[in-house]
């Protein structure tokens, strides 16, 4: 099983009435998202399923990445991945039945997720995808194997 944890790309500052949930990507973020999508596709890391925060900047990150994969990918936009990202991601992952999942969301949750699964502490900047893998018969078993996952790659925009 392969899990790609993608932190949303750079977003506009939150200094207006729009609120954090509604912040869009900025020009830099729109380019970064396409680049990371292309880099993942070039590594043949094609997701079977995308689980994405419903925050605007996460949705826009995925929308710009998706074109690089050359096919429509089933996508679920989950409010819990904005509010309770780590718990929501682990609970949802335990119920999926595909081999490669891309999750798009936020820090600090993704740093906690990587640490929980691999035991490795890393800093995840915007527009960064961390690729992790484990051999397991199901996602529920894989999620229960906290600390035993292997960090395989880190993909960033150029």
C-alpha atoms as a PDB file:
ATOM      1  CA  UNK A   1       0.000   0.000   0.000  1.00  0.00           C
ATOM      2  CA  UNK A   2       1.164   3.468  -0.883  1.00  0.00           C
ATOM      3  CA  UNK A   3       0.050   6.651   0.825  1.00  0.00           C
ATOM      4  CA  UNK A   4       0.972  10.058  -0.566  1.00  0.00           C
ATOM      5  CA  UNK A   5       0.379  12.860   1.955  1.00  0.00           C
ATOM      6  CA  UNK A   6       0.271  16.179   0.104  1.00  0.00           C
ATOM      7  CA  UNK A   7       0.265  19.494   1.936  1.00  0.00           C
ATOM      8  CA  UNK A   8      -1.685  22.100  -0.030  1.00  0.00           C
ATOM      9  CA  UNK A   9       0.336  24.547  -2.127  1.00  0.00           C
ATOM     10  CA  UNK A  10       0.990  28.166  -1.138  1.00  0.00           C
ATOM     11  CA  UNK A  11      -2.197  30.072  -0.399  1.00  0.00           C
ATOM     12  CA  UNK A  12      -3.245  33.700  -0.193  1.00  0.00           C
ATOM     13  CA  UNK A  13      -2.814  35.418   3.147  1.00  0.00           C
ATOM     14  CA  UNK A  14      -5.768  35.306   5.506  1.00  0.00           C
ATOM     15  CA  UNK A  15      -6.026  39.021   6.211  1.00  0.00           C
ATOM     16  CA  UNK A  16      -9.558  39.616   4.959  1.00  0.00           C
ATOM     17  CA  UNK A  17     -13.089  38.601   5.861  1.00  0.00           C
ATOM     18  CA  UNK A  18     -12.945  35.372   3.807  1.00  0.00           C
ATOM     19  CA  UNK A  19     -11.673  33.279   6.706  1.00  0.00           C
ATOM     20  CA  UNK A  20      -9.104  30.522   6.717  1.00  0.00           C
ATOM     21  CA  UNK A  21     -11.323  27.823   5.170  1.00  0.00           C
ATOM     22  CA  UNK A  22     -11.990  29.958   2.071  1.00  0.00           C
ATOM     23  CA  UNK A  23      -8.384  30.980   1.335  1.00  0.00           C
ATOM     24  CA  UNK A  24      -7.492  30.287  -2.332  1.00  0.00           C
ATOM     25  CA  UNK A  25      -4.118  29.344  -3.728  1.00  0.00           C
ATOM     26  CA  UNK A  26      -1.948  32.245  -4.778  1.00  0.00           C
ATOM     27  CA  UNK A  27      -0.190  32.400  -8.179  1.00  0.00           C
ATOM     28  CA  UNK A  28       2.843  30.549  -6.813  1.00  0.00           C
ATOM     29  CA  UNK A  29       0.636  27.823  -5.326  1.00  0.00           C
ATOM     30  CA  UNK A  30      -1.210  27.242  -8.597  1.00  0.00           C
ATOM     31  CA  UNK A  31       2.121  26.577 -10.360  1.00  0.00           C
ATOM     32  CA  UNK A  32       3.450  24.426  -7.517  1.00  0.00           C
ATOM     33  CA  UNK A  33       0.416  22.155  -7.510  1.00  0.00           C
ATOM     34  CA  UNK A  34       0.797  21.424 -11.220  1.00  0.00           C
ATOM     35  CA  UNK A  35       4.525  20.746 -10.775  1.00  0.00           C
ATOM     36  CA  UNK A  36       4.037  18.301  -7.923  1.00  0.00           C
ATOM     37  CA  UNK A  37       1.267  16.516  -9.835  1.00  0.00           C
ATOM     38  CA  UNK A  38       3.618  16.174 -12.801  1.00  0.00           C
ATOM     39  CA  UNK A  39       6.459  14.934 -10.605  1.00  0.00           C
ATOM     40  CA  UNK A  40       4.237  12.285  -9.004  1.00  0.00           C
ATOM     41  CA  UNK A  41       2.991  11.162 -12.419  1.00  0.00           C
ATOM     42  CA  UNK A  42       6.580  10.973 -13.701  1.00  0.00           C
ATOM     43  CA  UNK A  43       7.370   8.647 -10.763  1.00  0.00           C
ATOM     44  CA  UNK A  44       4.320   6.538 -11.714  1.00  0.00           C
ATOM     45  CA  UNK A  45       2.632   7.363  -8.415  1.00  0.00           C
ATOM     46  CA  UNK A  46      -0.896   7.382  -9.786  1.00  0.00           C
ATOM     47  CA  UNK A  47      -3.512   7.413  -7.028  1.00  0.00           C
ATOM     48  CA  UNK A  48      -6.503   5.104  -7.149  1.00  0.00           C
ATOM     49  CA  UNK A  49      -8.340   7.406  -4.750  1.00  0.00           C
ATOM     50  CA  UNK A  50      -7.924  10.974  -3.483  1.00  0.00           C
ATOM     51  CA  UNK A  51      -9.068  12.052  -0.040  1.00  0.00           C
ATOM     52  CA  UNK A  52      -9.016  15.836   0.138  1.00  0.00           C
ATOM     53  CA  UNK A  53      -9.787  18.455   2.745  1.00  0.00           C
ATOM     54  CA  UNK A  54     -12.778  20.547   1.746  1.00  0.00           C
ATOM     55  CA  UNK A  55     -10.859  23.793   2.404  1.00  0.00           C
ATOM     56  CA  UNK A  56     -10.577  25.842  -0.774  1.00  0.00           C
ATOM     57  CA  UNK A  57      -6.755  25.817  -0.942  1.00  0.00           C
ATOM     58  CA  UNK A  58      -6.660  22.002  -0.636  1.00  0.00           C
ATOM     59  CA  UNK A  59      -9.390  21.534  -3.271  1.00  0.00           C
ATOM     60  CA  UNK A  60      -7.589  23.907  -5.640  1.00  0.00           C
ATOM     61  CA  UNK A  61      -4.304  22.077  -5.052  1.00  0.00           C
ATOM     62  CA  UNK A  62      -5.885  18.756  -6.063  1.00  0.00           C
ATOM     63  CA  UNK A  63      -7.727  20.267  -9.034  1.00  0.00           C
ATOM     64  CA  UNK A  64      -4.420  21.552 -10.426  1.00  0.00           C
ATOM     65  CA  UNK A  65      -2.590  18.292  -9.741  1.00  0.00           C
ATOM     66  CA  UNK A  66      -5.210  16.028 -11.292  1.00  0.00           C
ATOM     67  CA  UNK A  67      -4.478  16.967 -14.905  1.00  0.00           C
ATOM     68  CA  UNK A  68      -1.006  15.438 -14.647  1.00  0.00           C
ATOM     69  CA  UNK A  69      -2.420  11.943 -14.110  1.00  0.00           C
ATOM     70  CA  UNK A  70      -4.177  11.704 -17.457  1.00  0.00           C
ATOM     71  CA  UNK A  71      -7.375  10.203 -16.103  1.00  0.00           C
ATOM     72  CA  UNK A  72     -10.205  11.036 -13.748  1.00  0.00           C
ATOM     73  CA  UNK A  73      -9.526   9.812 -10.228  1.00  0.00           C
ATOM     74  CA  UNK A  74     -12.260   9.171  -7.670  1.00  0.00           C
ATOM     75  CA  UNK A  75     -12.109  11.980  -5.131  1.00  0.00           C
ATOM     76  CA  UNK A  76     -13.762  12.556  -1.774  1.00  0.00           C
ATOM     77  CA  UNK A  77     -13.801  16.044  -0.234  1.00  0.00           C
ATOM     78  CA  UNK A  78     -13.915  15.604   3.523  1.00  0.00           C
ATOM     79  CA  UNK A  79     -14.664  18.391   6.028  1.00  0.00           C
ATOM     80  CA  UNK A  80     -12.974  16.351   8.769  1.00  0.00           C
ATOM     81  CA  UNK A  81      -9.636  16.581   7.008  1.00  0.00           C
ATOM     82  CA  UNK A  82      -9.723  20.333   7.587  1.00  0.00           C
ATOM     83  CA  UNK A  83     -10.822  20.279  11.205  1.00  0.00           C
ATOM     84  CA  UNK A  84      -9.455  16.944  12.485  1.00  0.00           C
ATOM     85  CA  UNK A  85      -7.078  15.989   9.688  1.00  0.00           C
ATOM     86  CA  UNK A  86      -5.020  13.297  11.372  1.00  0.00           C
ATOM     87  CA  UNK A  87      -7.928  11.421  12.945  1.00  0.00           C
ATOM     88  CA  UNK A  88     -10.117  11.822   9.864  1.00  0.00           C
ATOM     89  CA  UNK A  89      -7.356  10.590   7.539  1.00  0.00           C
ATOM     90  CA  UNK A  90      -6.607   7.492   9.628  1.00  0.00           C
ATOM     91  CA  UNK A  91     -10.276   6.617  10.107  1.00  0.00           C
ATOM     92  CA  UNK A  92     -11.076   7.060   6.411  1.00  0.00           C
ATOM     93  CA  UNK A  93      -7.952   5.218   5.229  1.00  0.00           C
ATOM     94  CA  UNK A  94      -8.858   2.201   7.361  1.00  0.00           C
ATOM     95  CA  UNK A  95     -11.990   1.817   5.237  1.00  0.00           C
ATOM     96  CA  UNK A  96     -10.604   2.094   1.689  1.00  0.00           C
ATOM     97  CA  UNK A  97      -9.983  -0.806  -0.683  1.00  0.00           C
ATOM     98  CA  UNK A  98      -7.426   0.424  -3.236  1.00  0.00           C
ATOM     99  CA  UNK A  99      -3.653   0.225  -3.301  1.00  0.00           C
ATOM    100  CA  UNK A 100      -2.546   3.861  -3.716  1.00  0.00           C
ATOM    101  CA  UNK A 101      -4.163   6.806  -1.937  1.00  0.00           C
ATOM    102  CA  UNK A 102      -3.334  10.499  -2.198  1.00  0.00           C
ATOM    103  CA  UNK A 103      -4.467  12.681   0.685  1.00  0.00           C
ATOM    104  CA  UNK A 104      -4.433  16.468   0.330  1.00  0.00           C
ATOM    105  CA  UNK A 105      -4.589  18.543   3.469  1.00  0.00           C
ATOM    106  CA  UNK A 106      -2.838  20.656   6.034  1.00  0.00           C
ATOM    107  CA  UNK A 107      -0.146  20.985   8.634  1.00  0.00           C
ATOM    108  CA  UNK A 108       0.460  20.280  11.396  1.00  0.00           C
ATOM    109  CA  UNK A 109      -1.733  17.225  10.772  1.00  0.00           C
ATOM    110  CA  UNK A 110       0.364  15.803   7.927  1.00  0.00           C
ATOM    111  CA  UNK A 111       3.580  16.131   9.931  1.00  0.00           C
ATOM    112  CA  UNK A 112       1.845  14.247  12.766  1.00  0.00           C
ATOM    113  CA  UNK A 113       0.588  11.664  10.263  1.00  0.00           C
ATOM    114  CA  UNK A 114       4.063  11.013   8.841  1.00  0.00           C
ATOM    115  CA  UNK A 115       5.478  10.779  12.345  1.00  0.00           C
ATOM    116  CA  UNK A 116       2.695   8.428  13.468  1.00  0.00           C
ATOM    117  CA  UNK A 117       3.114   6.074  10.510  1.00  0.00           C
ATOM    118  CA  UNK A 118       6.892   6.149   9.982  1.00  0.00           C
ATOM    119  CA  UNK A 119       8.280   7.314  13.313  1.00  0.00           C
ATOM    120  CA  UNK A 120      10.131  10.069  11.437  1.00  0.00           C
ATOM    121  CA  UNK A 121       9.860  13.742  12.344  1.00  0.00           C
ATOM    122  CA  UNK A 122       9.964  15.939   9.257  1.00  0.00           C
ATOM    123  CA  UNK A 123       8.918  19.438   8.284  1.00  0.00           C
ATOM    124  CA  UNK A 124       6.402  19.513   5.442  1.00  0.00           C
ATOM    125  CA  UNK A 125       6.392  22.795   3.573  1.00  0.00           C
ATOM    126  CA  UNK A 126       3.531  23.872   1.290  1.00  0.00           C
ATOM    127  CA  UNK A 127       3.356  21.939  -2.005  1.00  0.00           C
ATOM    128  CA  UNK A 128       5.194  18.934  -0.594  1.00  0.00           C
ATOM    129  CA  UNK A 129       4.132  15.312  -0.992  1.00  0.00           C
ATOM    130  CA  UNK A 130       5.497  12.613   1.301  1.00  0.00           C
ATOM    131  CA  UNK A 131       5.303   9.111  -0.144  1.00  0.00           C
ATOM    132  CA  UNK A 132       4.990   6.275   2.378  1.00  0.00           C
ATOM    133  CA  UNK A 133       4.474   2.552   1.923  1.00  0.00           C
ATOM    134  CA  UNK A 134       3.813  -0.627   3.823  1.00  0.00           C
ATOM    135  CA  UNK A 135       2.977  -4.218   2.980  1.00  0.00           C
ATOM    136  CA  UNK A 136      -0.332  -5.168   4.526  1.00  0.00           C
ATOM    137  CA  UNK A 137      -3.408  -7.180   3.536  1.00  0.00           C
ATOM    138  CA  UNK A 138      -5.756  -4.211   4.036  1.00  0.00           C
ATOM    139  CA  UNK A 139      -5.761  -0.529   4.890  1.00  0.00           C
ATOM    140  CA  UNK A 140      -7.225  -1.253   8.326  1.00  0.00           C
ATOM    141  CA  UNK A 141      -4.218  -3.473   9.078  1.00  0.00           C
ATOM    142  CA  UNK A 142      -1.857  -0.930   7.499  1.00  0.00           C
ATOM    143  CA  UNK A 143      -3.177   1.924   9.639  1.00  0.00           C
ATOM    144  CA  UNK A 144      -2.754  -0.234  12.738  1.00  0.00           C
ATOM    145  CA  UNK A 145       0.928  -0.675  11.854  1.00  0.00           C
ATOM    146  CA  UNK A 146       1.849   2.793  13.146  1.00  0.00           C
ATOM    147  CA  UNK A 147       5.602   3.297  13.262  1.00  0.00           C
ATOM    148  CA  UNK A 148       6.290   0.529  10.729  1.00  0.00           C
ATOM    149  CA  UNK A 149       5.664   2.401   7.483  1.00  0.00           C
ATOM    150  CA  UNK A 150       8.610   3.323   5.266  1.00  0.00           C
ATOM    151  CA  UNK A 151       9.061   6.846   3.971  1.00  0.00           C
ATOM    152  CA  UNK A 152       9.874   6.255   0.318  1.00  0.00           C
ATOM    153  CA  UNK A 153      10.147   9.725  -1.215  1.00  0.00           C
ATOM    154  CA  UNK A 154       9.522  13.431  -0.758  1.00  0.00           C
ATOM    155  CA  UNK A 155       8.277  15.320  -3.810  1.00  0.00           C
ATOM    156  CA  UNK A 156       8.311  19.116  -3.974  1.00  0.00           C
ATOM    157  CA  UNK A 157       7.788  21.799  -6.580  1.00  0.00           C
ATOM    158  CA  UNK A 158      10.956  22.913  -8.337  1.00  0.00           C
END
